[in-house]
Every structure is written in structure tokens, then in C-alpha cells.
Protein backbone atom coordinates (compact mmCIF):
# COMPACT_ATOMS: atom_id res chain seq x y z
CA MET A 1 138.20 60.74 60.59
CA SER A 2 140.72 62.84 62.65
CA HIS A 3 137.97 63.51 65.20
CA LEU A 4 137.10 59.77 65.63
CA LEU A 5 140.85 58.99 65.98
CA LYS A 6 141.22 61.78 68.72
CA ARG A 7 138.23 60.33 70.72
CA ILE A 8 139.64 56.77 70.51
CA PHE A 9 142.90 58.12 71.88
CA LEU A 10 141.27 59.90 74.79
CA LEU A 11 139.15 56.91 75.70
CA ASN A 12 142.20 54.69 75.66
CA HIS A 13 144.07 57.25 77.79
CA ASN A 14 141.35 57.29 80.31
CA PHE A 15 141.12 53.41 80.34
CA ILE A 16 144.95 53.23 80.94
CA ASN A 17 144.60 55.72 84.03
CA LYS A 18 141.97 53.75 85.53
CA VAL A 19 143.99 50.54 85.38
CA ILE A 20 146.85 52.51 87.00
CA VAL A 21 144.78 53.89 89.88
CA PHE A 22 143.15 50.33 90.54
CA LYS A 23 146.59 48.72 90.57
CA ILE A 24 148.13 51.32 93.21
CA ARG A 25 145.01 50.97 95.34
CA MET A 26 144.93 47.25 95.26
CA ARG A 27 148.79 46.93 96.10
CA LEU A 28 148.57 49.13 99.13
CA CYS A 29 145.69 47.11 100.60
CA PHE A 30 147.20 43.85 99.74
CA ASN A 31 150.63 44.93 101.19
CA ILE A 32 149.25 45.56 104.58
CA VAL A 33 147.25 42.16 104.53
CA LEU A 34 150.25 40.17 103.51
CA LYS A 35 152.56 41.62 106.14
CA ARG A 36 150.19 40.60 108.96
CA TYR A 37 148.44 37.39 108.03
CA PHE A 38 150.31 35.52 105.12
CA SER A 39 153.36 33.53 104.76
CA THR A 40 155.99 34.22 101.94
CA ALA A 41 154.42 31.62 99.41
CA SER A 42 150.93 33.02 99.70
CA SER A 43 152.47 36.53 99.39
CA ALA A 44 153.90 35.56 96.02
CA ALA A 45 150.61 34.16 95.05
CA LEU A 46 148.63 37.07 95.71
CA ARG A 47 151.16 39.40 94.30
CA PHE A 48 150.81 37.65 90.98
CA VAL A 49 146.79 38.08 91.35
CA LEU A 50 147.41 41.66 92.12
CA LYS A 51 149.87 42.37 89.20
CA TYR A 52 147.97 40.42 86.37
CA ILE A 53 144.39 39.46 87.39
CA ALA A 54 143.19 42.21 89.73
CA PRO A 55 143.29 45.11 87.35
CA ILE A 56 141.24 43.24 84.65
CA VAL A 57 138.65 42.17 87.10
CA LEU A 58 138.11 45.39 89.04
CA ILE A 59 137.88 47.86 86.03
CA GLU A 60 134.48 49.24 85.60
CA LYS A 61 132.60 46.88 83.08
CA ALA A 62 130.94 49.94 81.32
CA ALA A 63 134.63 51.51 80.49
CA LEU A 64 135.86 47.95 79.20
CA PHE A 65 132.89 47.37 76.91
CA ARG A 66 133.10 51.02 75.59
CA PHE A 67 136.74 50.27 74.77
CA ILE A 68 136.15 46.97 72.92
CA LYS A 69 133.25 48.46 70.77
CA ILE A 70 135.24 51.81 69.79
CA THR A 71 138.21 49.53 68.98
CA ALA A 72 136.11 47.09 66.79
CA ALA A 73 134.36 49.82 65.15
CA CYS A 74 137.88 51.40 64.13
CA PHE A 75 139.06 48.09 62.70
CA SER A 76 135.90 47.46 60.78
CA LEU A 77 136.16 50.91 59.23
CA ILE A 78 139.70 50.27 58.01
CA LEU A 79 138.71 46.75 56.71
CA PHE A 80 135.87 48.18 54.65
CA ILE A 81 137.83 50.95 53.08
CA THR A 82 140.73 48.33 52.18
CA LEU A 83 138.33 45.72 50.82
CA PHE A 84 135.96 47.89 48.99
CA PRO A 85 137.64 50.40 46.41
CA CYS A 86 135.92 53.32 45.01
CA SER A 87 133.26 52.52 42.54
CA TYR A 88 134.65 54.93 39.98
CA THR A 89 137.96 52.90 39.84
CA PHE A 90 138.72 51.80 36.11
CA TYR A 91 141.10 49.02 35.05
CA ASN A 92 142.81 49.35 31.65
CA ASP A 93 143.56 45.56 31.36
CA VAL A 94 140.06 44.52 31.08
CA LYS A 95 139.02 42.94 27.94
CA PRO A 96 135.59 41.89 26.51
CA TYR A 97 134.92 38.03 26.44
CA PHE A 98 133.52 36.67 23.40
CA GLY A 99 134.20 33.00 23.62
CA ASP A 100 137.22 31.04 24.87
CA PHE A 101 140.21 32.05 22.79
CA ASN A 102 143.66 33.58 22.64
CA TRP A 103 143.92 37.45 22.80
CA SER A 104 147.57 37.61 21.91
CA SER A 105 147.09 38.62 18.23
CA LEU A 106 149.70 40.97 16.99
CA ASP A 107 147.39 42.70 14.59
CA PRO A 108 144.35 43.95 16.31
CA VAL A 109 141.43 45.61 14.86
CA ARG A 110 138.70 47.87 16.43
CA LEU A 111 135.22 46.59 17.46
CA SER A 112 132.23 48.30 18.42
CA ALA A 113 131.28 46.84 22.03
CA GLY A 114 127.57 46.85 22.06
CA ASP A 115 124.13 48.29 21.56
CA PHE A 116 124.44 51.25 23.93
CA ASN A 117 124.44 53.74 21.17
CA GLU A 118 126.72 56.89 21.29
CA ASN A 119 128.08 57.10 17.80
CA GLY A 120 125.78 54.95 15.78
CA ARG A 121 127.07 51.37 16.57
CA GLY A 122 128.20 51.68 20.06
CA GLY A 123 130.38 53.94 22.25
CA LEU A 124 133.03 51.77 23.76
CA GLU A 125 135.89 50.20 21.41
CA HIS A 126 138.09 47.20 22.42
CA SER A 127 140.97 45.64 20.68
CA VAL A 128 139.97 42.21 19.17
CA PRO A 129 142.39 39.60 17.50
CA LYS A 130 142.82 39.41 13.74
CA LEU A 131 141.80 35.95 12.45
CA ARG A 132 145.02 34.43 10.82
CA LEU A 133 145.62 30.92 9.33
CA ILE A 134 149.04 29.43 10.10
CA GLU A 135 150.68 27.03 7.72
CA TYR A 136 152.21 23.94 9.54
CA GLU A 137 154.07 21.16 8.18
CA ILE A 138 153.04 17.82 9.93
CA GLN A 139 156.13 16.30 11.78
CA LYS A 140 156.76 12.59 12.51
CA GLY A 141 154.57 11.49 15.30
CA ASP A 142 152.08 14.27 15.07
CA THR A 143 148.31 13.49 15.56
CA LEU A 144 145.43 15.96 15.30
CA TRP A 145 145.30 15.88 18.92
CA SER A 146 149.02 16.68 19.72
CA ILE A 147 148.92 19.42 17.25
CA SER A 148 145.84 21.15 18.78
CA ARG A 149 147.27 20.84 22.25
CA ALA A 150 150.61 22.56 20.96
CA PHE A 151 148.65 25.43 19.53
CA ASP A 152 146.14 25.66 22.49
CA ILE A 153 142.91 25.47 20.24
CA ASP A 154 140.34 22.53 19.61
CA PRO A 155 140.66 19.89 17.21
CA ASP A 156 137.30 20.94 15.69
CA GLY A 157 139.02 24.12 14.38
CA ILE A 158 141.74 22.29 12.55
CA ILE A 159 139.28 19.87 10.89
CA SER A 160 136.97 22.61 9.81
CA CYS A 161 139.64 24.47 7.78
CA ASN A 162 141.27 21.59 6.28
CA SER A 163 140.01 18.72 3.93
CA PHE A 164 141.20 15.53 5.61
CA THR A 165 140.23 12.26 3.93
CA ASN A 166 140.85 10.40 7.29
CA VAL A 167 141.76 12.72 10.53
CA HIS A 168 143.19 9.71 12.15
CA ASN A 169 145.78 9.08 9.56
CA ILE A 170 147.61 12.47 8.78
CA HIS A 171 151.09 12.10 7.16
CA GLU A 172 154.49 13.72 7.70
CA GLY A 173 155.31 16.43 5.33
CA GLU A 174 151.64 17.47 4.70
CA ILE A 175 150.90 21.08 5.15
CA ILE A 176 147.64 22.18 7.03
CA LEU A 177 146.15 25.32 8.06
CA ILE A 178 145.74 26.19 11.76
CA PRO A 179 143.54 29.14 12.93
CA ASN A 180 145.05 31.33 15.66
CA MET A 181 142.07 31.23 17.90
CA LYS A 182 139.50 28.78 19.06
CA GLY A 183 136.31 28.30 16.86
CA ILE A 184 135.10 26.73 13.62
CA PHE A 185 134.64 27.33 10.08
CA ILE A 186 131.16 26.66 8.66
CA ASN A 187 129.86 26.63 5.19
CA VAL A 188 127.46 29.22 4.30
CA LYS A 189 124.12 27.78 3.08
CA GLU A 190 121.05 29.19 1.35
CA ASP A 191 119.28 31.85 3.49
CA ASP A 192 121.94 31.89 6.12
CA THR A 193 122.73 35.42 7.61
CA ILE A 194 124.92 37.01 10.00
CA PHE A 195 122.07 37.46 12.48
CA LEU A 196 120.95 33.72 12.29
CA TYR A 197 124.52 32.78 13.32
CA SER A 198 124.57 35.53 16.01
CA SER A 199 121.29 34.19 17.48
CA GLU A 200 122.05 30.51 17.23
CA TYR A 201 125.73 30.81 18.61
CA LYS A 202 125.30 33.81 20.93
CA ILE A 203 127.97 35.98 19.28
CA PRO A 204 127.50 39.67 18.39
CA PRO A 205 126.89 40.32 14.67
CA ASP A 206 129.66 43.03 14.81
CA PHE A 207 132.21 40.67 16.10
CA ILE A 208 131.47 38.04 13.38
CA MET A 209 131.90 40.66 10.77
CA GLU A 210 135.15 42.01 12.10
CA ILE A 211 136.64 38.75 12.68
CA ASN A 212 135.83 37.61 9.16
CA ASP A 213 136.76 41.03 7.69
CA LEU A 214 133.33 41.46 6.05
CA GLN A 215 132.21 44.78 4.83
CA SER A 216 128.63 43.97 4.74
CA ASN A 217 126.15 41.58 6.40
CA SER A 218 125.14 39.78 3.17
CA LEU A 219 126.59 36.15 2.74
CA VAL A 220 127.12 34.18 -0.37
CA PRO A 221 126.23 30.39 -0.14
CA GLY A 222 129.34 28.26 -0.32
CA MET A 223 131.56 30.85 1.37
CA LYS A 224 133.34 29.96 4.79
CA ILE A 225 132.57 31.93 8.11
CA PHE A 226 134.69 31.73 11.05
CA LEU A 227 132.84 31.45 14.49
CA PRO A 228 135.07 32.09 17.51
CA GLY A 229 134.74 30.14 20.47
CA VAL A 230 132.27 27.66 18.77
CA GLN A 231 132.63 23.87 18.83
CA PHE A 232 131.04 21.19 16.81
CA SER A 233 127.98 19.37 18.14
CA ASN A 234 128.40 15.74 19.10
CA ILE A 235 126.95 14.48 15.93
CA GLU A 236 129.07 17.06 13.76
CA ARG A 237 132.08 15.87 15.47
CA ALA A 238 131.22 12.17 15.09
CA TYR A 239 130.89 12.89 11.24
CA ALA A 240 134.00 14.75 11.12
CA LEU A 241 135.97 12.10 13.00
CA GLY A 242 134.45 9.33 10.66
CA GLU A 243 132.73 7.80 13.80
CA ALA A 244 129.07 8.65 12.78
CA PHE A 245 126.52 6.09 11.97
CA GLU A 246 123.55 6.25 9.61
CA LYS A 247 120.07 5.49 10.64
CA PRO A 248 119.73 1.75 9.96
CA VAL A 249 116.22 1.64 9.08
CA ALA A 250 113.28 3.94 8.14
CA GLY A 251 110.64 4.39 10.73
CA ARG A 252 109.45 6.28 13.72
CA LEU A 253 111.72 6.56 16.96
CA THR A 254 109.46 4.99 19.82
CA SER A 255 111.80 4.58 22.69
CA ARG A 256 115.18 6.46 23.44
CA TYR A 257 118.21 5.43 25.26
CA GLY A 258 118.18 5.58 29.02
CA TYR A 259 115.75 5.07 31.84
CA ARG A 260 112.02 4.30 30.84
CA ARG A 261 108.97 2.43 32.11
CA ASP A 262 109.39 -1.24 31.26
CA PRO A 263 106.50 -2.10 28.68
CA PHE A 264 106.16 -5.43 30.28
CA THR A 265 106.59 -5.04 34.01
CA GLY A 266 105.56 -1.28 34.30
CA LYS A 267 108.95 -0.71 36.48
CA ARG A 268 111.49 1.82 35.79
CA SER A 269 114.43 0.20 33.77
CA PHE A 270 117.33 1.15 31.69
CA HIS A 271 116.82 0.93 27.96
CA THR A 272 120.16 0.09 26.52
CA GLY A 273 119.42 1.47 22.92
CA VAL A 274 116.77 2.97 20.68
CA ASP A 275 113.70 1.46 19.16
CA ILE A 276 112.62 2.17 15.50
CA ALA A 277 109.07 1.01 14.63
CA ASN A 278 108.08 0.10 11.22
CA ARG A 279 106.05 -2.84 9.53
CA ALA A 280 107.48 -6.30 9.55
CA GLY A 281 109.73 -7.32 6.75
CA LYS A 282 111.01 -3.69 6.26
CA LYS A 283 114.77 -3.74 5.21
CA ILE A 284 117.53 -3.01 7.84
CA TYR A 285 120.76 -1.61 6.49
CA ALA A 286 124.25 -1.65 8.13
CA ALA A 287 124.72 1.61 9.95
CA SER A 288 128.40 1.76 9.07
CA SER A 289 131.03 -0.49 7.27
CA GLY A 290 132.38 -3.33 9.25
CA ARG A 291 132.58 -7.17 9.82
CA VAL A 292 129.70 -9.33 11.18
CA ILE A 293 130.92 -10.94 14.35
CA TYR A 294 127.57 -12.53 15.38
CA THR A 295 124.35 -13.74 13.80
CA GLY A 296 121.78 -15.87 15.85
CA SER A 297 119.15 -15.78 18.73
CA ARG A 298 119.90 -14.09 21.91
CA GLU A 299 117.76 -14.14 24.95
CA GLY A 300 115.58 -11.04 25.05
CA TYR A 301 117.04 -9.90 21.86
CA GLY A 302 115.61 -12.60 19.56
CA ASN A 303 117.27 -12.67 16.03
CA THR A 304 120.31 -10.51 16.30
CA ILE A 305 123.17 -9.33 14.40
CA ILE A 306 126.41 -7.65 15.74
CA ILE A 307 128.73 -5.86 13.49
CA GLU A 308 132.23 -4.56 14.51
CA HIS A 309 133.49 -1.27 13.04
CA ARG A 310 136.71 0.61 13.33
CA PHE A 311 137.85 2.65 16.40
CA GLY A 312 136.43 -0.10 18.79
CA TYR A 313 132.62 0.44 17.93
CA ARG A 314 130.09 -2.32 17.74
CA THR A 315 126.33 -2.11 16.67
CA TYR A 316 123.55 -4.41 17.65
CA TYR A 317 120.51 -5.06 15.59
CA ALA A 318 117.64 -6.96 17.60
CA HIS A 319 114.20 -8.56 17.12
CA LEU A 320 114.80 -9.28 13.39
CA SER A 321 112.37 -11.60 11.49
CA GLU A 322 115.25 -12.71 9.07
CA ILE A 323 119.01 -12.37 8.97
CA LYS A 324 120.50 -11.70 5.59
CA VAL A 325 124.38 -11.85 6.30
CA LEU A 326 126.70 -14.47 7.72
CA LYS A 327 129.16 -14.39 10.67
CA GLY A 328 132.57 -13.16 9.46
CA GLU A 329 131.16 -11.51 6.51
CA ASN A 330 132.27 -7.81 5.63
CA VAL A 331 129.59 -5.38 5.03
CA GLN A 332 129.43 -1.92 3.57
CA LYS A 333 127.42 1.09 5.07
CA GLY A 334 123.93 0.93 3.54
CA GLU A 335 124.07 -2.83 2.82
CA VAL A 336 120.87 -4.62 3.49
CA ILE A 337 121.61 -7.09 6.58
CA GLY A 338 118.09 -8.12 7.71
CA LEU A 339 114.37 -7.64 7.99
CA ILE A 340 112.31 -5.91 10.73
CA GLY A 341 110.45 -8.40 13.08
CA SER A 342 109.21 -8.86 16.50
CA SER A 343 111.40 -11.82 17.71
CA GLY A 344 112.61 -12.12 21.28
CA ARG A 345 110.96 -9.89 24.10
CA SER A 346 109.11 -7.55 21.73
CA THR A 347 105.75 -5.75 21.90
CA GLY A 348 105.51 -5.56 18.14
CA PRO A 349 107.69 -5.08 15.00
CA HIS A 350 110.57 -2.89 15.42
CA LEU A 351 114.25 -2.67 15.35
CA HIS A 352 116.00 -2.49 18.66
CA PHE A 353 119.52 -0.56 17.89
CA GLU A 354 122.51 -0.43 20.17
CA VAL A 355 125.95 1.33 19.85
CA TRP A 356 129.05 -0.06 21.97
CA LEU A 357 132.48 1.58 22.21
CA LYS A 358 135.06 -0.76 23.78
CA ASN A 359 132.66 -2.64 25.94
CA ARG A 360 130.80 0.53 26.95
CA LEU A 361 127.10 1.33 25.96
CA ILE A 362 126.74 4.83 24.46
CA ASN A 363 123.69 6.69 23.35
CA PRO A 364 123.09 5.90 19.74
CA LEU A 365 121.61 9.39 19.18
CA THR A 366 124.99 11.04 19.73
CA GLN A 367 126.60 9.00 16.99
CA THR A 368 123.79 9.03 14.46
CA ASN A 369 121.69 11.70 12.72
CA MET A 370 118.39 9.66 13.24
CA ALA A 371 117.23 12.39 15.90
CA ALA A 372 117.00 14.98 13.27
CA ARG A 373 115.22 12.96 10.82
């Protein structure tokens, strides 16, 4: 490095000397010319050229390019050393990432960090948070969502570790439990294992065991396990919030929500619901409790029932052969409301089922469990 800097200094020194020599030579020549042939104004202009322009133009091109190249190389070397530190630099504040949750626990435990074996379970160890449940008394004006924002966790976590009769209607003075990190509790079922959860939710098995303070990987059906960083699926959240719908009729799902080829025109068109096929006359049930706001025939839909539910939801039941309820009637979830048919624009006996939320169509499969049946 010192040799390189010395060479740059010598080249710069030679470059400056050449500039000085050229300036002296040019000044002598131009002074003679100015005195004999030019006026005062012209002399001033040429002096400017002599002082600022001529040295740059008359320097040897090779020397100029050599100076530029060496200077650029020097700056590049300094920039490289600055931006790319040594590969053996270690940072003490790096922490492993196992889901999006808070690392600020005051009671850390030790966790083996991986499969790269060094002492039987892994060589590196990191501090991970200890799961704690915080007792919170509901205040006036609190909602599930305002509480979750205040504690910087998902509503799913609060719902999963409490038994709410109605998550939309919590009462002042009630005591609820709040986990100190993002994640959900799940109920262990028959044949569930730590390794099954690890594979399904992409969480290291050691981490699940440490978070839940388990001494072995055996699980007992009915116990609760906390899965850090995990959220409910759409249908799980719908059931937890009381916004899920049951499958309105038994049968085969023949057409899903979204774009498809129109069975009549063959062109690509948007299907506004799902079609469930079965024999004509099969009973249709209310997908959720609500009030019937429409019964009758609609263009394309044929015989149709529309039921209004809480939280702004509405369900449509179309192509019926017979309607069993009246407009204005209150119906319960699972109550018979009509029979499958092929009225309206239909290719055969089936139920066309739609779900609306506040005048906006939504995919029925995100609000029902019919995709899993």
C-alpha cells in the first residue's frame, strides 16, 4: 500500500512539473506576440487562454490519462475496503428468526440452534423468549382489535387462549389472557406430534418444545400447544369470529368462484359463486342464522332466496325447484329453506351459492368449510 501511494505521489509531482514548464514556455511565446501584434483587449483574452486553457490542452495526453487511471484505481481501492468488511467480522446482536414475534422477554431460556451437530443437539445457542400469559382486565371502550394493537400481537393469539362466547362483544371488567408474543394456541388431537407441527408450520421442533417448556416430544390429546409466529387460516379465523357459513347442501363442488369458461357461450367469464351439484329435490339448508330478505325468481338465477346475516353478510341460493321460506322470516343455521332444481340459466340440477359482504362479493370457500369436505 505504501509503495502504491508513493508511486501516485511521484506521478502527480511529475505531472505538476510538466504543467509549470508548459505554462512558462507558453507565457514567453505569447508575451512576444502580444507586444508586437495585438491590442490591449486581445492581450487580456489571450492571457486568460494562456493561464487557464493552454496548460490543459498542451499537456501530453499519455501523462493525463495515466494520472486519471491511477487516481481512479486509488479511490476504487479505498471504496472497496470501506464497503466490504472482513468476512470474519461477527456481530453480537444478531438473533435467530423463528416467526414474527417480540424478543423482549425478561426471562430467556437456551435453545439449540440447528442440525449442525457439535454437542448432540447443535453447537450454537441463542436466547429465546419465555412464553408468558398476561392477565388483562378489559377497560371501557376496549375491543379485541384495540387490545391486540396495544400489545403488538395478532387477535388470533388472544382468541386462541380465551373462551369467548362472542369476540365482537367483550365486557368491561372481564379478565382475559394475552400471550407475550405473536402466535396461536392449538388443541392437540389424536396422533398429533411435535414433528407434525414442525413440518406443517415450518418451526424447528426444539423451538416448539422450549417455548412450551416440554420435557419430551410426546403429546397428550386435549392439551394446548403454542405455535409462535403462526396465524389462523381464513376458515379458522371465520369460525373464531363467528363469520363462517356451513355448507348449504350435500353434493359435489362442480364450479368454483372466479374466472371460468362460460358453459353456454364458451367465453371466459367471472363466476360469482360456487356450484354444488346433486339430484333435483335435495334439501337446501340455511348456511347461517339470519333473516330472509328476498324470495322469488331473478333473471339468470331462477328461483332464489337471499338471507341477511350479522356483520353485513348476505347469502344467495339460486336455481331452486322449490322455496320453503317466506320473505321477512327468521331462519336458523341448518334449517331447510328450499330444494335443489335447475330453474333459470342452468345446465342441470345444482345449487348456485353466493356470499356478499357489505355489497361486495367474496369467495364462499374462504367463509365455509365445504372445500375440506
